[in-house]
Protein backbone atom coordinates (compact mmCIF):
# COMPACT_ATOMS: atom_id res chain seq x y z
CA MET A 1 -0.35 -16.56 -31.63
CA THR A 2 1.13 -18.24 -33.99
CA VAL A 3 2.73 -22.04 -33.94
CA SER A 4 4.57 -24.45 -36.20
CA THR A 5 3.83 -27.75 -36.84
CA SER A 6 4.75 -30.73 -38.96
CA LEU A 7 2.19 -32.35 -41.39
CA HIS A 8 2.26 -35.33 -43.73
CA GLN A 9 2.45 -33.86 -47.29
CA GLY A 10 -0.64 -35.94 -48.29
CA THR A 11 -2.41 -34.30 -45.46
CA VAL A 12 -1.12 -30.69 -46.74
CA GLU A 13 -2.30 -31.51 -50.11
CA ALA A 14 -5.46 -32.82 -49.01
CA VAL A 15 -6.20 -29.59 -47.13
CA ARG A 16 -5.08 -27.30 -49.76
CA SER A 17 -7.22 -29.11 -52.44
CA ARG A 18 -10.27 -28.21 -50.34
CA VAL A 19 -9.50 -24.63 -49.14
CA GLY A 20 -6.51 -23.29 -50.99
CA LYS A 21 -3.54 -21.78 -49.49
CA ARG A 22 -5.60 -18.72 -47.85
CA GLU A 23 -7.64 -20.69 -45.73
CA PHE A 24 -5.43 -23.32 -44.61
CA SER A 25 -4.70 -22.06 -41.10
CA ARG A 26 -8.41 -21.80 -40.66
CA TYR A 27 -9.08 -25.43 -41.59
CA VAL A 28 -6.56 -26.66 -39.20
CA GLU A 29 -7.99 -24.61 -36.33
CA GLU A 30 -11.34 -25.91 -36.90
CA ALA A 31 -10.33 -29.58 -37.04
CA VAL A 32 -8.29 -29.12 -33.74
CA VAL A 33 -11.15 -27.39 -32.09
CA ARG A 34 -13.45 -30.28 -33.04
CA ARG A 35 -10.90 -32.88 -31.88
CA ILE A 36 -10.62 -31.23 -28.45
CA ALA A 37 -14.47 -31.11 -28.34
CA ARG A 38 -14.65 -34.92 -28.95
CA ASP A 39 -11.75 -35.36 -26.27
CA ASN A 40 -13.59 -33.60 -23.98
CA LEU A 41 -17.06 -35.43 -24.59
CA ARG A 42 -14.75 -38.76 -24.03
CA GLU A 43 -13.44 -37.81 -20.86
CA LEU A 44 -17.02 -36.69 -19.58
CA LEU A 45 -18.26 -40.12 -20.72
CA ASP A 46 -15.29 -41.75 -19.04
CA ASP A 47 -15.92 -40.04 -15.63
CA PHE A 48 -19.74 -40.74 -16.18
CA GLU A 49 -19.26 -44.22 -16.34
CA ALA A 50 -16.90 -44.72 -13.49
CA VAL A 51 -19.41 -43.62 -11.32
CA ASN A 52 -22.23 -45.24 -12.91
CA GLY A 53 -21.11 -48.21 -14.94
CA PRO A 54 -21.32 -49.03 -18.51
CA PRO A 55 -24.52 -47.87 -20.28
CA ASP A 56 -27.27 -50.11 -21.17
CA GLN A 57 -26.97 -51.10 -24.81
CA ARG A 58 -30.66 -51.60 -25.61
CA ALA A 59 -30.82 -48.09 -24.37
CA VAL A 60 -28.03 -46.66 -26.28
CA GLU A 61 -29.47 -48.38 -29.70
CA GLU A 62 -33.13 -46.97 -28.92
CA ALA A 63 -31.46 -43.40 -28.36
CA ARG A 64 -29.52 -43.80 -31.68
CA ALA A 65 -32.87 -44.90 -33.36
CA PHE A 66 -34.52 -41.79 -31.93
CA LEU A 67 -31.95 -39.59 -33.18
CA ARG A 68 -31.89 -40.74 -36.59
CA GLY A 69 -35.90 -40.50 -36.65
CA GLU A 70 -36.48 -44.02 -36.39
CA THR A 71 -39.56 -44.96 -34.57
CA SER A 72 -40.69 -48.44 -33.53
CA GLY A 73 -37.43 -49.99 -34.43
CA GLN A 74 -38.24 -49.22 -38.00
CA LYS A 75 -35.78 -47.10 -40.04
CA ASN A 76 -36.75 -44.04 -41.36
CA ASN A 77 -37.85 -44.63 -45.12
CA PRO A 78 -39.43 -42.18 -46.64
CA ALA A 79 -40.49 -44.66 -49.72
CA ALA A 80 -42.33 -46.57 -47.25
């Protein structure tokens, strides 16, 4: 399926400078797919919070540190 949309000139130029003319549609498609995934995740989180309340901020920070590879509150520092 093909659709038509309008984009600002600066946006078009930025995409073309990255991918050229032939890959423009694929680049836009991938960006839209990522946005839909983020929107779906936000809706899921909103539903979860509606049922369970807001997350514990300390637990959120601990999870973020874990995902970054930090342990015991220390930042992952290869030079240390």
